[in-house]
Amino acid sequence: MISESDLLAKVPNRLFIGGEWVESTSGRSIDVQDPSSGTVIATIADASAEDGGRALDAAVAAQQSWASTAPRVRGEILRGAFDLLQERADEFALLMTLEMGKPLAEARGEVTYGGEFLRWFSEEAVRIAGRYGSNPEGTGRMIVTHLPVGPSYLITPWNFPLAMATRKIAPAIAAGCTSVIKPAELTPLTTLYFARLLEEAGLPAGVVNVITTSTSREVSEPIIADPRLRKLSFTGSTAVGQQLLTQAARGVLRTSMELGGNAPFLVFEDADLDAAVDGAMAAKFRNIGQACTAANRFIVHESVAEEFANRVTERVAGMKVGRGTEEGVNIGPLINEAAVAKADELVKDAVSRGATVRTGGTVLDRDGTFYAPTVVSGVVQGSDILREEIFGPVLSIVTFTDEADAVAKANDTEFGLVSYAYTRDLARGQRLIESLQTGMMGLNVGVVSNAAAPFGGVKQSGIGREGGFEGIHEYLETKYVLTPNPFA
């Protein structure tokens, strides 16, 4: 495997605008840190509002040419990017571990997952269909086509640096849209390195532009307000998403919003507990719990709650904490001190209301931003840990009495991204599919994400879908044409 220093030397440290790597006009820079130690691993350009305008100019200039590029060509470029990513899988995995902290094994999994969006949308590029037929009166013929929505602004979060970029960039490319992407300030290196890969795959200048900045509002507001922009896609907190929706409304932009979550994980009395525990570990501790799909509230039937708690506690207590590059590490650092403080505050609040810490529950005294993997049982209604997204390695357990109680507790949130349920009762499973108010559901499985599936939520968890057949349509406008009856 490539050394850390050699890899970091290969990552661009400037902005990618119009097919060129350029300096920022701000004169500022951003230090990127390794959260396992606080060490600065790279210093990159810090874009200004002027740089954001230049990036949008480049996207607008390239839009007409890219929209008229043959779908097969667009698809082949995406497939070429997929192939290059497979060749450099170890490099991208290591880079994500360095800037975000996730264990290397999980980072490799993200490379696989992120790559699938390139492969999936390379295939979807040539399947953008329309329809033709008579109108009901027989007086004309209806033609329905789908055309690129136009220049798009893509804002990605820090927790999945590659997958969140490919999940937005790939359908935009496939649909014939140009874009400006702004990765999170905390983990920008993966997106910069991916832009270089797209260059090598033959993507024309201006189709994808990358700006990194520490002043997101200053840079984003003029881009969103520009009448040439036609699409906004954002993954992040609900609070920020609401602000962006307000801004996007002025230009009546097409929007895709993948926002916060508060996922319930239901375990019924007839559940296969071995499978439920395995699913719980995957649903909770993937990415150190820093995922919008992470199970936030474990709602367990009172008859099996103690056994479930004992089993997950044994598993969690045996997890290895450390730097993501270390052998056998399950839990890396949280992204920053604020994330550690939030996890600790939520646990303390739950304990103050009567909950019991079965393992963990402490800020670890070591370099970096580490919080011990934790199990808290006996959580009572009203606890902050049941209302707020934890975004950390904390598994909280609350009990229920019957199906109606379980569903009521699961739906008692303004969020509705994903839910999980374990039961052997097929009829109950079918009822839960319809009664749980979430955009996605794992029935007897603990991980639902897949490039071929529509990812997204309901209520305050978002608008629109990413991935699946639905994902490319977020970047397409529908056009209807009526022509006279040719036989009249």
Protein backbone atom coordinates (compact mmCIF):
# COMPACT_ATOMS: atom_id res chain seq x y z
CA MET A 1 0.00 0.00 0.00
CA ILE A 2 1.13 3.55 -0.71
CA SER A 3 2.56 5.46 2.26
CA GLU A 4 0.51 8.20 3.90
CA SER A 5 2.97 10.90 2.90
CA ASP A 6 3.18 9.75 -0.71
CA LEU A 7 -0.60 9.62 -0.97
CA LEU A 8 -1.11 13.08 0.50
CA ALA A 9 1.47 14.44 -1.93
CA LYS A 10 -0.71 13.24 -4.83
CA VAL A 11 -3.86 15.04 -3.66
CA PRO A 12 -4.48 18.43 -5.34
CA ASN A 13 -4.55 21.40 -2.97
CA ARG A 14 -6.16 23.96 -5.28
CA LEU A 15 -9.61 24.61 -6.71
CA PHE A 16 -10.80 22.76 -9.82
CA ILE A 17 -12.50 25.24 -12.14
CA GLY A 18 -13.05 24.91 -15.87
CA GLY A 19 -10.76 21.91 -16.11
CA GLU A 20 -7.83 23.68 -14.42
CA TRP A 21 -6.38 23.56 -10.91
CA VAL A 22 -6.30 27.17 -9.82
CA GLU A 23 -5.42 29.19 -6.73
CA SER A 24 -8.10 30.87 -4.66
CA THR A 25 -8.56 34.62 -4.91
CA SER A 26 -9.15 34.82 -1.15
CA GLY A 27 -5.52 34.47 -0.11
CA ARG A 28 -6.71 32.12 2.65
CA SER A 29 -6.10 28.42 3.16
CA ILE A 30 -7.73 25.53 5.03
CA ASP A 31 -5.83 23.14 7.28
CA VAL A 32 -7.17 19.59 7.10
CA GLN A 33 -6.63 17.56 10.27
CA ASP A 34 -6.42 13.88 11.14
CA PRO A 35 -9.08 13.55 13.89
CA SER A 36 -7.21 10.67 15.52
CA SER A 37 -4.39 13.03 16.50
CA GLY A 38 -5.30 16.60 15.57
CA THR A 39 -2.29 16.69 13.24
CA VAL A 40 -2.56 18.86 10.12
CA ILE A 41 -2.20 16.53 7.14
CA ALA A 42 -2.83 18.98 4.29
CA THR A 43 -3.31 22.66 3.54
CA ILE A 44 -5.64 23.51 0.67
CA ALA A 45 -7.17 26.51 -1.09
CA ASP A 46 -9.99 28.36 0.65
CA ALA A 47 -12.43 29.61 -1.99
CA SER A 48 -13.98 33.06 -1.97
CA ALA A 49 -17.38 34.10 -3.31
CA GLU A 50 -15.58 35.25 -6.44
CA ASP A 51 -14.15 31.75 -6.88
CA GLY A 52 -17.63 30.30 -6.51
CA GLY A 53 -18.81 32.61 -9.28
CA ARG A 54 -15.95 31.49 -11.50
CA ALA A 55 -16.88 27.86 -10.91
CA LEU A 56 -20.51 28.50 -11.84
CA ASP A 57 -19.37 30.41 -14.94
CA ALA A 58 -17.40 27.33 -16.00
CA ALA A 59 -20.38 25.02 -15.41
CA VAL A 60 -22.70 27.30 -17.38
CA ALA A 61 -20.23 27.57 -20.25
CA ALA A 62 -19.98 23.77 -20.50
CA GLN A 63 -23.69 23.00 -20.09
CA GLN A 64 -24.93 23.12 -23.69
CA SER A 65 -22.06 21.04 -25.04
CA TRP A 66 -22.36 18.46 -22.27
CA ALA A 67 -26.14 18.19 -22.62
CA SER A 68 -25.73 17.44 -26.32
CA THR A 69 -23.03 14.84 -25.70
CA ALA A 70 -24.26 11.36 -26.59
CA PRO A 71 -25.57 9.40 -23.62
CA ARG A 72 -23.26 6.51 -24.52
CA VAL A 73 -20.26 8.82 -24.25
CA ARG A 74 -21.42 10.12 -20.87
CA GLY A 75 -21.92 6.56 -19.69
CA GLU A 76 -18.51 5.41 -20.87
CA ILE A 77 -16.79 8.25 -19.03
CA LEU A 78 -18.55 7.19 -15.84
CA ARG A 79 -17.61 3.57 -16.45
CA GLY A 80 -14.01 4.63 -17.01
CA ALA A 81 -14.09 6.50 -13.70
CA PHE A 82 -15.44 3.37 -12.02
CA ASP A 83 -12.58 1.30 -13.40
CA LEU A 84 -9.98 3.83 -12.28
CA LEU A 85 -11.52 3.89 -8.81
CA GLN A 86 -11.18 0.12 -8.53
CA GLU A 87 -7.50 0.41 -9.43
CA ARG A 88 -6.98 3.02 -6.72
CA ALA A 89 -9.32 1.61 -4.11
CA ASP A 90 -6.60 1.34 -1.47
CA GLU A 91 -5.54 4.94 -2.02
CA PHE A 92 -9.06 6.33 -1.65
CA ALA A 93 -9.70 4.15 1.40
CA LEU A 94 -6.54 5.34 3.13
CA LEU A 95 -7.28 8.97 2.26
CA MET A 96 -10.75 8.77 3.83
CA THR A 97 -9.33 7.15 6.95
CA LEU A 98 -6.75 9.91 7.27
CA GLU A 99 -9.13 12.85 6.92
CA MET A 100 -12.30 11.41 8.48
CA GLY A 101 -11.06 8.75 10.91
CA LYS A 102 -13.15 5.73 9.94
CA PRO A 103 -11.48 2.30 10.22
CA LEU A 104 -9.69 1.28 7.05
CA ALA A 105 -11.94 -1.74 6.53
CA GLU A 106 -14.99 0.54 6.53
CA ALA A 107 -13.26 2.98 4.21
CA ARG A 108 -12.69 0.14 1.75
CA GLY A 109 -16.40 -0.62 2.01
CA GLU A 110 -17.18 2.99 1.15
CA VAL A 111 -14.99 2.79 -1.95
CA THR A 112 -17.06 -0.19 -3.08
CA TYR A 113 -20.34 1.57 -2.27
CA GLY A 114 -19.29 4.90 -3.79
CA GLY A 115 -18.01 3.19 -6.91
CA GLU A 116 -21.35 1.52 -7.48
CA PHE A 117 -22.95 4.92 -8.13
CA LEU A 118 -20.50 5.41 -11.00
CA ARG A 119 -21.29 1.99 -12.43
CA TRP A 120 -25.06 2.26 -11.88
CA PHE A 121 -25.43 5.68 -13.48
CA SER A 122 -23.07 4.77 -16.33
CA GLU A 123 -25.77 2.24 -17.22
CA GLU A 124 -28.67 4.63 -16.59
CA ALA A 125 -27.22 7.31 -18.89
CA VAL A 126 -28.40 5.38 -21.96
CA ARG A 127 -31.83 4.56 -20.49
CA ILE A 128 -33.32 8.04 -20.21
CA ALA A 129 -36.64 7.32 -21.84
CA GLY A 130 -39.75 9.21 -22.90
CA ARG A 131 -43.08 8.23 -24.43
CA TYR A 132 -45.17 8.78 -27.53
CA GLY A 133 -48.85 8.14 -28.04
CA SER A 134 -52.24 9.45 -28.98
CA ASN A 135 -54.08 11.83 -26.71
CA PRO A 136 -57.39 10.47 -25.38
CA GLU A 137 -59.42 12.50 -27.89
CA GLY A 138 -57.41 11.18 -30.85
CA THR A 139 -56.82 14.72 -32.10
CA GLY A 140 -53.06 14.73 -31.60
CA ARG A 141 -49.95 12.88 -30.61
CA MET A 142 -48.23 13.41 -27.25
CA ILE A 143 -44.44 13.36 -27.03
CA VAL A 144 -42.88 13.34 -23.56
CA THR A 145 -39.11 13.76 -23.22
CA HIS A 146 -36.69 14.23 -20.33
CA LEU A 147 -33.98 16.87 -20.66
CA PRO A 148 -31.08 17.92 -18.40
CA VAL A 149 -32.21 20.37 -15.73
CA GLY A 150 -28.99 22.36 -16.16
CA PRO A 151 -26.14 23.65 -13.99
CA SER A 152 -26.30 22.14 -10.50
CA TYR A 153 -24.80 23.01 -7.12
CA LEU A 154 -23.90 19.97 -5.03
CA ILE A 155 -23.09 20.25 -1.32
CA THR A 156 -21.74 17.15 0.40
CA PRO A 157 -21.18 16.25 4.10
CA TRP A 158 -18.02 15.13 5.86
CA ASN A 159 -19.01 11.63 6.98
CA PHE A 160 -18.90 9.75 3.64
CA PRO A 161 -16.46 11.81 1.56
CA LEU A 162 -16.46 9.57 -1.52
CA ALA A 163 -19.95 8.06 -1.58
CA MET A 164 -21.74 11.35 -1.07
CA ALA A 165 -19.75 12.87 -3.93
CA THR A 166 -20.35 10.02 -6.37
CA ARG A 167 -24.03 9.79 -5.37
CA LYS A 168 -24.53 13.36 -6.61
CA ILE A 169 -21.92 13.75 -9.35
CA ALA A 170 -22.67 10.48 -11.18
CA PRO A 171 -26.38 11.11 -11.90
CA ALA A 172 -25.63 14.72 -12.85
CA ILE A 173 -23.05 13.56 -15.39
CA ALA A 174 -25.33 10.80 -16.67
CA ALA A 175 -28.27 13.18 -17.12
CA GLY A 176 -26.19 15.74 -19.02
CA CYS A 177 -25.86 18.33 -16.24
CA THR A 178 -22.76 20.28 -15.33
CA SER A 179 -22.07 21.00 -11.68
CA VAL A 180 -20.18 22.82 -8.97
CA ILE A 181 -19.51 20.66 -5.93
CA LYS A 182 -18.59 21.96 -2.51
CA PRO A 183 -17.28 19.25 -0.18
CA ALA A 184 -17.30 19.69 3.58
CA GLU A 185 -14.46 21.75 5.04
CA LEU A 186 -13.55 18.90 7.41
CA THR A 187 -13.04 16.24 4.71
CA PRO A 188 -12.34 17.86 1.33
CA LEU A 189 -9.36 15.80 0.18
CA THR A 190 -11.29 12.82 -1.15
CA THR A 191 -13.39 15.00 -3.46
CA LEU A 192 -10.31 16.80 -4.76
CA TYR A 193 -8.62 13.47 -5.48
CA PHE A 194 -11.79 12.19 -7.14
CA ALA A 195 -11.90 15.25 -9.41
CA ARG A 196 -8.42 14.38 -10.59
CA LEU A 197 -9.65 10.86 -11.35
CA LEU A 198 -12.52 12.29 -13.42
CA GLU A 199 -9.97 14.29 -15.39
CA GLU A 200 -8.12 11.10 -16.21
CA ALA A 201 -11.37 9.39 -17.16
CA GLY A 202 -11.83 12.00 -19.91
CA LEU A 203 -14.48 14.27 -18.41
CA PRO A 204 -14.50 17.53 -20.40
CA ALA A 205 -13.47 20.79 -18.77
CA GLY A 206 -16.17 22.56 -16.81
CA VAL A 207 -18.53 19.59 -16.43
CA VAL A 208 -17.53 19.16 -12.77
CA ASN A 209 -15.97 21.99 -10.77
CA VAL A 210 -14.76 21.71 -7.17
CA ILE A 211 -14.55 24.53 -4.65
CA THR A 212 -13.35 24.07 -1.07
CA THR A 213 -14.11 26.78 1.44
CA SER A 214 -14.30 27.66 5.12
CA THR A 215 -16.98 30.30 4.45
CA SER A 216 -19.84 28.20 3.11
CA ARG A 217 -22.56 30.80 3.45
CA GLU A 218 -20.47 33.54 1.80
CA VAL A 219 -19.67 31.29 -1.16
CA SER A 220 -22.98 29.44 -1.51
CA GLU A 221 -25.51 32.26 -1.31
CA PRO A 222 -24.41 34.01 -4.54
CA ILE A 223 -24.31 30.70 -6.40
CA ILE A 224 -27.82 29.77 -5.25
CA ALA A 225 -29.11 33.26 -6.06
CA ASP A 226 -27.68 33.20 -9.60
CA PRO A 227 -30.54 32.72 -12.10
CA ARG A 228 -28.34 30.47 -14.24
CA LEU A 229 -28.31 27.80 -11.54
CA ARG A 230 -31.16 25.31 -11.95
CA LYS A 231 -30.58 22.61 -9.35
CA LEU A 232 -29.47 22.38 -5.70
CA SER A 233 -28.60 19.10 -3.99
CA PHE A 234 -27.62 19.05 -0.33
CA THR A 235 -26.83 16.37 2.24
CA GLY A 236 -26.53 17.54 5.83
CA SER A 237 -28.48 18.75 8.82
CA THR A 238 -32.16 19.65 8.66
CA ALA A 239 -31.46 23.12 10.07
CA VAL A 240 -29.05 23.98 7.24
CA GLY A 241 -31.32 22.31 4.69
CA GLN A 242 -34.21 24.54 5.73
CA GLN A 243 -32.06 27.63 5.20
CA LEU A 244 -30.98 26.41 1.78
CA LEU A 245 -34.57 25.65 0.78
CA THR A 246 -35.51 29.22 1.64
CA GLN A 247 -32.72 30.51 -0.58
CA ALA A 248 -33.57 28.06 -3.38
CA ALA A 249 -37.21 29.13 -3.35
CA ARG A 250 -36.31 32.55 -4.70
CA GLY A 251 -35.06 31.02 -7.93
CA VAL A 252 -37.59 28.16 -7.87
CA LEU A 253 -34.71 25.68 -8.07
CA ARG A 254 -35.10 21.95 -8.34
CA THR A 255 -33.93 20.65 -4.97
CA SER A 256 -32.80 17.36 -3.49
CA MET A 257 -32.43 17.41 0.29
CA GLU A 258 -31.09 14.46 2.28
CA LEU A 259 -31.35 15.74 5.84
CA GLY A 260 -31.27 14.54 9.43
CA GLY A 261 -32.44 11.23 10.81
CA ASN A 262 -33.55 9.63 14.07
CA ALA A 263 -33.83 6.01 13.01
CA PRO A 264 -35.82 3.59 15.18
CA PHE A 265 -34.65 -0.03 15.46
CA LEU A 266 -37.54 -2.25 16.56
CA VAL A 267 -36.95 -5.70 18.10
CA PHE A 268 -40.11 -7.73 18.65
CA GLU A 269 -40.59 -10.60 21.06
CA ASP A 270 -40.46 -13.16 18.23
CA ALA A 271 -37.30 -11.75 16.63
CA ASP A 272 -34.27 -13.88 15.83
CA LEU A 273 -32.06 -12.29 18.49
CA ASP A 274 -28.82 -13.47 16.90
CA ALA A 275 -29.80 -11.71 13.67
CA ALA A 276 -31.11 -8.68 15.57
CA VAL A 277 -27.87 -8.24 17.47
CA ASP A 278 -25.82 -8.55 14.26
CA GLY A 279 -28.13 -6.04 12.60
CA ALA A 280 -27.90 -3.69 15.58
CA MET A 281 -24.11 -3.65 15.45
CA ALA A 282 -24.18 -2.81 11.74
CA ALA A 283 -26.97 -0.27 11.98
CA LYS A 284 -25.46 1.54 14.97
CA PHE A 285 -21.68 1.36 14.72
CA ARG A 286 -21.07 1.62 10.98
CA ASN A 287 -18.94 4.71 10.39
CA ILE A 288 -18.53 5.10 14.19
CA GLY A 289 -22.24 5.88 14.39
CA GLN A 290 -21.71 8.97 12.25
CA ALA A 291 -24.31 8.22 9.60
CA CYS A 292 -27.76 9.63 8.96
CA THR A 293 -28.93 6.02 8.60
CA ALA A 294 -27.49 5.00 11.98
CA ALA A 295 -30.02 3.45 14.33
CA ASN A 296 -30.66 6.09 16.97
CA ARG A 297 -33.35 4.53 19.16
CA PHE A 298 -33.45 0.80 19.94
CA ILE A 299 -37.08 0.10 20.76
CA VAL A 300 -37.15 -3.43 22.20
CA HIS A 301 -40.06 -5.53 23.47
CA GLU A 302 -39.99 -5.69 27.26
CA SER A 303 -39.86 -9.50 27.25
CA VAL A 304 -36.51 -9.63 25.38
CA ALA A 305 -35.03 -6.25 26.32
CA GLU A 306 -32.70 -7.61 29.02
CA GLU A 307 -31.34 -10.41 26.87
CA PHE A 308 -30.89 -8.06 23.90
CA ALA A 309 -29.11 -5.52 26.11
CA ASN A 310 -26.79 -8.18 27.53
CA ARG A 311 -25.86 -9.47 24.09
CA VAL A 312 -25.14 -6.09 22.52
CA THR A 313 -23.23 -4.99 25.63
CA GLU A 314 -20.93 -7.98 25.33
CA ARG A 315 -20.27 -7.17 21.69
CA VAL A 316 -19.78 -3.45 22.26
CA ALA A 317 -17.48 -3.93 25.25
CA GLY A 318 -15.19 -6.00 23.02
CA MET A 319 -14.81 -3.35 20.33
CA LYS A 320 -11.31 -2.02 19.70
CA VAL A 321 -10.85 1.75 19.68
CA GLY A 322 -7.98 3.43 17.87
CA ARG A 323 -6.66 5.11 14.78
CA GLY A 324 -8.42 3.80 11.72
CA THR A 325 -5.21 2.51 10.15
CA GLU A 326 -4.48 0.20 13.10
CA GLU A 327 -5.17 -3.51 12.71
CA GLY A 328 -8.48 -4.71 14.12
CA VAL A 329 -9.86 -1.27 15.04
CA ASN A 330 -13.67 -1.10 15.07
CA ILE A 331 -14.15 2.43 16.41
CA GLY A 332 -12.11 5.37 15.19
CA PRO A 333 -12.29 8.99 16.37
CA LEU A 334 -15.34 11.19 16.06
CA ILE A 335 -14.92 14.02 13.60
CA ASN A 336 -14.17 16.77 16.15
CA GLU A 337 -14.44 17.87 19.78
CA ALA A 338 -17.99 19.13 19.31
CA ALA A 339 -19.11 15.65 18.25
CA VAL A 340 -17.52 14.13 21.35
CA ALA A 341 -19.14 16.71 23.61
CA LYS A 342 -22.57 16.09 22.07
CA ALA A 343 -22.39 12.32 22.56
CA ASP A 344 -21.27 12.78 26.15
CA GLU A 345 -24.03 15.28 26.91
CA LEU A 346 -26.72 12.98 25.50
CA VAL A 347 -25.53 10.06 27.61
CA LYS A 348 -25.34 12.17 30.76
CA ASP A 349 -28.85 13.50 30.18
CA ALA A 350 -30.21 9.96 29.77
CA VAL A 351 -28.47 8.82 32.96
CA SER A 352 -29.78 11.82 34.90
CA ARG A 353 -33.31 10.68 33.98
CA GLY A 354 -32.74 7.11 35.20
CA ALA A 355 -30.96 5.25 32.38
CA THR A 356 -28.10 2.84 33.06
CA VAL A 357 -24.75 2.83 31.29
CA ARG A 358 -23.85 -0.81 30.66
CA THR A 359 -20.52 -0.15 28.99
CA GLY A 360 -18.62 2.94 27.86
CA GLY A 361 -20.15 6.31 28.54
CA THR A 362 -16.86 8.18 28.76
CA VAL A 363 -14.68 10.55 26.78
CA LEU A 364 -11.41 8.67 26.25
CA ASP A 365 -8.28 10.28 27.67
CA ARG A 366 -5.99 10.05 24.65
CA ASP A 367 -4.91 12.12 21.66
CA GLY A 368 -7.64 12.74 19.14
CA THR A 369 -11.41 12.91 19.48
CA PHE A 370 -12.48 9.54 20.83
CA TYR A 371 -15.63 8.50 22.67
CA ALA A 372 -15.99 5.03 24.13
CA PRO A 373 -18.49 2.72 22.39
CA THR A 374 -21.48 2.81 24.69
CA VAL A 375 -24.68 0.97 25.58
CA VAL A 376 -27.36 2.76 27.62
CA SER A 377 -30.47 0.87 28.72
CA GLY A 378 -33.62 1.86 30.57
CA VAL A 379 -33.87 5.13 28.65
CA VAL A 380 -37.08 6.97 29.51
CA GLN A 381 -39.32 9.02 27.24
CA GLY A 382 -38.35 12.68 27.22
CA SER A 383 -34.62 11.97 27.20
CA ASP A 384 -32.66 14.08 24.74
CA ILE A 385 -31.03 10.94 23.33
CA LEU A 386 -34.44 9.90 21.95
CA ARG A 387 -35.07 13.29 20.32
CA GLU A 388 -31.70 14.24 18.87
CA GLU A 389 -29.50 12.52 16.31
CA ILE A 390 -26.60 11.04 18.29
CA PHE A 391 -24.02 10.79 15.48
CA GLY A 392 -21.69 8.76 17.68
CA PRO A 393 -21.06 5.21 18.98
CA VAL A 394 -23.90 5.19 21.52
CA LEU A 395 -26.62 2.51 21.52
CA SER A 396 -29.68 3.55 23.56
CA ILE A 397 -32.43 1.11 24.53
CA VAL A 398 -36.06 1.86 25.39
CA THR A 399 -38.77 -0.79 25.84
CA PHE A 400 -42.28 -1.23 24.40
CA THR A 401 -45.29 -3.37 25.31
CA ASP A 402 -47.06 -4.18 22.04
CA GLU A 403 -46.97 -3.38 18.31
CA ALA A 404 -49.06 -0.25 18.63
CA ASP A 405 -46.76 1.07 21.35
CA ALA A 406 -43.68 0.26 19.26
CA VAL A 407 -45.03 2.06 16.19
CA ALA A 408 -46.11 5.08 18.22
CA LYS A 409 -42.65 5.40 19.77
CA ALA A 410 -40.93 4.87 16.43
CA ASN A 411 -43.01 7.57 14.74
CA ASP A 412 -42.65 10.04 17.61
CA THR A 413 -40.15 12.24 15.80
CA GLU A 414 -40.12 14.96 13.16
CA PHE A 415 -37.66 12.85 11.15
CA GLY A 416 -38.39 9.97 8.81
CA LEU A 417 -35.31 8.76 6.96
CA VAL A 418 -34.98 5.04 7.75
CA SER A 419 -36.33 2.46 10.16
CA TYR A 420 -35.32 -1.08 11.07
CA ALA A 421 -37.47 -3.88 12.42
CA TYR A 422 -36.82 -7.48 13.44
CA THR A 423 -39.71 -9.93 13.59
CA ARG A 424 -40.46 -13.43 12.33
CA ASP A 425 -44.13 -12.53 11.80
CA LEU A 426 -44.65 -11.91 8.07
CA ALA A 427 -48.00 -10.17 8.55
CA ARG A 428 -46.52 -7.87 11.18
CA GLY A 429 -43.64 -7.08 8.85
CA GLN A 430 -46.11 -6.10 6.14
CA ARG A 431 -48.00 -3.88 8.57
CA LEU A 432 -44.77 -2.17 9.64
CA ILE A 433 -43.88 -1.41 6.04
CA GLU A 434 -46.99 0.75 5.88
CA SER A 435 -47.15 2.07 9.45
CA LEU A 436 -43.56 3.23 10.01
CA GLN A 437 -43.21 6.79 8.71
CA THR A 438 -39.84 6.57 6.97
CA GLY A 439 -38.64 6.76 3.38
CA MET A 440 -36.59 3.57 3.77
CA MET A 441 -36.83 0.46 5.92
CA GLY A 442 -34.70 -2.53 6.77
CA LEU A 443 -36.90 -5.53 7.58
CA ASN A 444 -34.66 -8.07 9.34
CA VAL A 445 -31.58 -6.35 7.89
CA GLY A 446 -29.34 -3.70 9.45
CA VAL A 447 -27.92 -1.95 6.35
CA VAL A 448 -30.18 -0.70 3.55
CA SER A 449 -27.98 1.54 1.37
CA ASN A 450 -27.52 0.42 -2.22
CA ALA A 451 -26.76 2.37 -5.39
CA ALA A 452 -29.66 0.68 -7.17
CA ALA A 453 -32.18 1.77 -4.53
CA PRO A 454 -33.81 5.19 -4.00
CA PHE A 455 -32.22 6.78 -0.92
CA GLY A 456 -34.19 9.47 0.91
CA GLY A 457 -36.67 10.29 3.63
CA VAL A 458 -40.02 11.82 4.52
CA LYS A 459 -41.07 14.53 6.96
CA GLN A 460 -38.05 16.67 7.95
CA SER A 461 -35.58 14.08 6.66
CA GLY A 462 -35.68 15.44 3.15
CA ILE A 463 -37.03 15.87 -0.34
CA GLY A 464 -36.22 13.77 -3.40
CA ARG A 465 -34.22 10.57 -3.83
CA GLU A 466 -30.65 9.65 -4.69
CA GLY A 467 -29.69 6.37 -6.33
CA GLY A 468 -31.89 3.91 -8.16
CA PHE A 469 -33.93 4.68 -11.25
CA GLU A 470 -35.26 7.66 -9.35
CA GLY A 471 -31.83 9.24 -8.84
CA ILE A 472 -31.23 10.34 -12.42
CA HIS A 473 -34.69 11.93 -12.68
CA GLU A 474 -33.69 14.42 -9.99
CA TYR A 475 -31.46 15.95 -12.70
CA LEU A 476 -34.03 15.87 -15.52
CA GLU A 477 -36.91 18.11 -16.51
CA THR A 478 -40.00 16.68 -18.20
CA LYS A 479 -41.08 18.27 -21.48
CA TYR A 480 -44.42 17.58 -23.15
CA VAL A 481 -45.12 18.33 -26.84
CA LEU A 482 -48.44 17.97 -28.65
CA THR A 483 -48.46 17.49 -32.43
CA PRO A 484 -51.50 17.21 -34.74
CA ASN A 485 -52.97 13.84 -35.60
CA PRO A 486 -50.94 12.87 -38.69
CA PHE A 487 -53.91 10.89 -40.07
CA ALA A 488 -56.52 13.65 -39.72
